[in-house]
Amino acid sequence: MDVDYRLAFELAPVGLCVSRNRTMVDCNAQLCQMFGSSRELLVGQSFLVLYPSADEYERLGARMAPILNAKGHYSDDRIMKRANGDVFWCHVTGRALNRDDPHADGIWSFEDLSAQRPVRAELTAREREVAARLLDGLTSKEIGKTLEISHRTVEIYRARLMRKYKASTTADLVHKLMAGA
């Protein structure tokens, strides 16, 4: 049986992207639909256009490089940005083709989680990062280490998230983040 890999790439049920130095070299129709843009506008662009802020793009790139270097792959749930400015939860998975230079060439998949987990509050870049790590089940100390900030700072951001989501406990906050309540 002959397999048409181009057709498989184009018709995949998730957004797919081939990257070089954090720039989109090719992407499929699902990725274009998810981010509300055209292939012509995305190919040749930095992944920065898919992030809510330049800070998140830079910090996440720096954080994932050693993981890609060590394991060859990386995945997380994060808030991304559509072309119209709307933000949404997205599951991102990637593989470095050269672990010694993890951003050189990669293959990335993007799965829109907005149907299960809508973003219901205006969040700052750090609040989005802390929320994503809370959903990973990390403690304040673990989040602080991951984000390279103190655990006390994490607790301040968690308290802000709890106020914005009207949550009485961290478990309640995680539930509301998961449900988009």
Protein backbone atom coordinates (compact mmCIF):
# COMPACT_ATOMS: atom_id res chain seq x y z
CA MET A 1 0.00 0.00 0.00
CA ASP A 2 1.35 3.39 -0.99
CA VAL A 3 0.95 6.12 1.62
CA ASP A 4 0.47 9.70 0.53
CA TYR A 5 2.33 11.46 3.36
CA ARG A 6 1.45 14.92 2.06
CA LEU A 7 -2.25 14.04 2.13
CA ALA A 8 -1.88 12.59 5.64
CA PHE A 9 -0.14 15.82 6.76
CA GLU A 10 -2.86 17.99 5.21
CA LEU A 11 -5.83 16.00 6.53
CA ALA A 12 -4.50 15.22 10.04
CA PRO A 13 -7.11 15.86 12.77
CA VAL A 14 -4.67 18.15 14.61
CA GLY A 15 -2.68 21.19 13.55
CA LEU A 16 0.76 20.18 12.26
CA CYS A 17 3.78 22.33 11.59
CA VAL A 18 7.34 21.77 10.42
CA SER A 19 9.73 24.32 11.88
CA ARG A 20 13.26 25.59 11.44
CA ASN A 21 14.75 27.86 14.10
CA ARG A 22 11.28 28.47 15.58
CA THR A 23 9.96 29.62 12.20
CA MET A 24 7.09 27.83 10.44
CA VAL A 25 8.37 26.15 7.27
CA ASP A 26 5.10 24.35 6.48
CA CYS A 27 1.75 23.85 8.18
CA ASN A 28 -1.48 22.02 7.49
CA ALA A 29 -5.03 23.27 6.99
CA GLN A 30 -6.06 22.29 10.55
CA LEU A 31 -3.38 24.57 12.04
CA CYS A 32 -4.53 27.44 9.81
CA GLN A 33 -8.14 26.90 10.83
CA MET A 34 -7.25 26.66 14.53
CA PHE A 35 -5.30 29.92 14.52
CA GLY A 36 -7.64 31.69 12.08
CA SER A 37 -4.99 32.43 9.49
CA SER A 38 -3.93 31.27 6.06
CA ARG A 39 -0.98 29.10 5.16
CA GLU A 40 0.43 32.00 3.13
CA LEU A 41 0.40 34.23 6.22
CA LEU A 42 1.87 31.60 8.59
CA VAL A 43 4.64 29.97 6.54
CA GLY A 44 7.85 31.94 7.05
CA GLN A 45 6.59 33.47 10.30
CA SER A 46 8.11 32.98 13.73
CA PHE A 47 6.06 30.96 16.22
CA LEU A 48 5.90 34.27 18.11
CA VAL A 49 2.72 35.15 16.14
CA LEU A 50 0.94 32.24 17.87
CA TYR A 51 1.77 33.38 21.43
CA PRO A 52 -0.17 35.88 23.56
CA SER A 53 3.07 37.75 24.35
CA ALA A 54 6.73 37.96 23.32
CA ASP A 55 7.73 37.19 26.93
CA GLU A 56 5.89 33.85 26.86
CA TYR A 57 7.44 32.99 23.51
CA GLU A 58 10.95 33.72 24.82
CA ARG A 59 10.53 32.06 28.22
CA LEU A 60 8.90 28.92 26.81
CA GLY A 61 11.54 28.61 24.09
CA ALA A 62 14.29 28.82 26.71
CA ARG A 63 12.49 26.36 28.99
CA MET A 64 11.82 23.73 26.32
CA ALA A 65 15.31 23.76 24.71
CA PRO A 66 17.04 21.68 27.44
CA ILE A 67 14.09 19.23 27.52
CA LEU A 68 14.20 18.84 23.73
CA ASN A 69 17.97 18.43 24.01
CA ALA A 70 17.68 15.71 26.66
CA LYS A 71 14.58 13.83 25.48
CA GLY A 72 14.14 14.86 21.86
CA HIS A 73 10.48 15.72 22.45
CA TYR A 74 8.37 18.15 24.48
CA SER A 75 4.68 18.63 25.26
CA ASP A 76 2.50 20.84 27.43
CA ASP A 77 -0.84 22.62 27.64
CA ARG A 78 -0.58 26.36 27.19
CA ILE A 79 -2.62 29.37 26.21
CA MET A 80 -2.05 30.39 22.59
CA LYS A 81 -3.41 33.28 20.48
CA ARG A 82 -5.52 33.22 17.33
CA ALA A 83 -4.99 35.74 14.52
CA ASN A 84 -8.01 37.77 15.78
CA GLY A 85 -6.39 38.11 19.24
CA ASP A 86 -8.59 35.55 21.03
CA VAL A 87 -6.68 33.28 23.41
CA PHE A 88 -7.34 29.56 23.89
CA TRP A 89 -5.93 26.51 25.65
CA CYS A 90 -3.84 24.35 23.33
CA HIS A 91 -1.99 21.05 23.77
CA VAL A 92 1.37 21.37 22.01
CA THR A 93 3.69 18.45 21.26
CA GLY A 94 6.97 18.68 19.42
CA ARG A 95 9.97 16.65 18.37
CA ALA A 96 13.44 18.00 17.66
CA LEU A 97 15.04 16.40 14.60
CA ASN A 98 18.49 17.20 16.01
CA ARG A 99 18.72 16.97 19.80
CA ASP A 100 22.07 18.80 19.79
CA ASP A 101 20.35 21.84 18.23
CA PRO A 102 16.75 21.43 19.45
CA HIS A 103 15.25 24.49 17.75
CA ALA A 104 17.02 23.87 14.41
CA ASP A 105 14.37 21.58 12.90
CA GLY A 106 11.20 20.25 14.46
CA ILE A 107 7.80 18.74 13.94
CA TRP A 108 4.96 20.16 16.06
CA SER A 109 1.33 19.28 16.67
CA PHE A 110 -1.30 21.60 18.11
CA GLU A 111 -4.61 20.45 19.54
CA ASP A 112 -7.28 23.04 20.33
CA LEU A 113 -8.63 22.42 23.86
CA SER A 114 -11.03 25.38 23.89
CA ALA A 115 -14.16 23.23 23.64
CA GLN A 116 -13.25 21.45 26.90
CA ARG A 117 -11.34 24.31 28.56
CA PRO A 118 -12.39 27.82 27.52
CA VAL A 119 -10.38 30.79 28.82
CA ARG A 120 -12.87 32.76 30.94
CA ALA A 121 -10.71 35.47 32.50
CA GLU A 122 -8.25 38.11 31.31
CA LEU A 123 -4.90 36.75 32.45
CA THR A 124 -1.41 38.23 32.41
CA ALA A 125 1.46 36.31 30.80
CA ARG A 126 2.69 35.05 34.20
CA GLU A 127 -0.84 34.12 35.31
CA ARG A 128 -1.19 32.02 32.14
CA GLU A 129 2.13 30.29 32.87
CA VAL A 130 1.24 29.62 36.52
CA ALA A 131 -2.23 28.37 35.50
CA ALA A 132 -0.71 25.94 32.99
CA ARG A 133 1.69 24.56 35.62
CA LEU A 134 -1.14 24.25 38.18
CA LEU A 135 -3.00 22.15 35.63
CA ASP A 136 0.12 19.98 35.38
CA GLY A 137 -0.30 19.31 39.12
CA LEU A 138 2.85 21.15 40.20
CA THR A 139 3.27 22.67 43.67
CA SER A 140 4.22 26.33 44.18
CA LYS A 141 7.84 25.31 44.76
CA GLU A 142 7.89 23.19 41.60
CA ILE A 143 6.26 25.98 39.57
CA GLY A 144 8.76 28.47 40.96
CA LYS A 145 11.66 26.25 39.96
CA THR A 146 10.19 25.67 36.48
CA LEU A 147 9.49 29.38 35.88
CA GLU A 148 12.65 30.50 37.71
CA ILE A 149 10.74 32.66 40.20
CA SER A 150 10.30 32.28 43.96
CA HIS A 151 7.54 30.06 45.33
CA ARG A 152 6.21 33.14 47.16
CA THR A 153 5.80 34.91 43.82
CA VAL A 154 3.95 31.85 42.51
CA GLU A 155 1.63 32.05 45.53
CA ILE A 156 0.86 35.70 44.70
CA TYR A 157 -0.06 34.75 41.13
CA ARG A 158 -2.12 31.79 42.37
CA ALA A 159 -4.00 34.13 44.72
CA ARG A 160 -4.73 36.48 41.79
CA LEU A 161 -5.98 33.53 39.74
CA MET A 162 -8.20 32.44 42.63
CA ARG A 163 -9.73 35.93 42.81
CA LYS A 164 -10.29 36.11 39.05
CA TYR A 165 -11.90 32.66 38.98
CA LYS A 166 -13.72 33.15 42.32
CA ALA A 167 -12.10 29.96 43.66
CA SER A 168 -11.92 29.21 47.38
CA THR A 169 -9.13 26.60 47.22
CA THR A 170 -6.37 25.60 44.80
CA ALA A 171 -8.35 22.44 43.97
CA ASP A 172 -11.37 24.62 43.18
CA LEU A 173 -9.16 26.85 41.00
CA VAL A 174 -7.80 23.85 39.08
CA HIS A 175 -11.35 22.58 38.58
CA LYS A 176 -12.48 25.98 37.28
CA LEU A 177 -9.44 26.26 34.99
CA MET A 178 -10.17 22.78 33.60
CA ALA A 179 -13.87 23.52 33.14
CA GLY A 180 -13.34 27.07 31.95
CA ALA A 181 -15.78 28.16 34.67
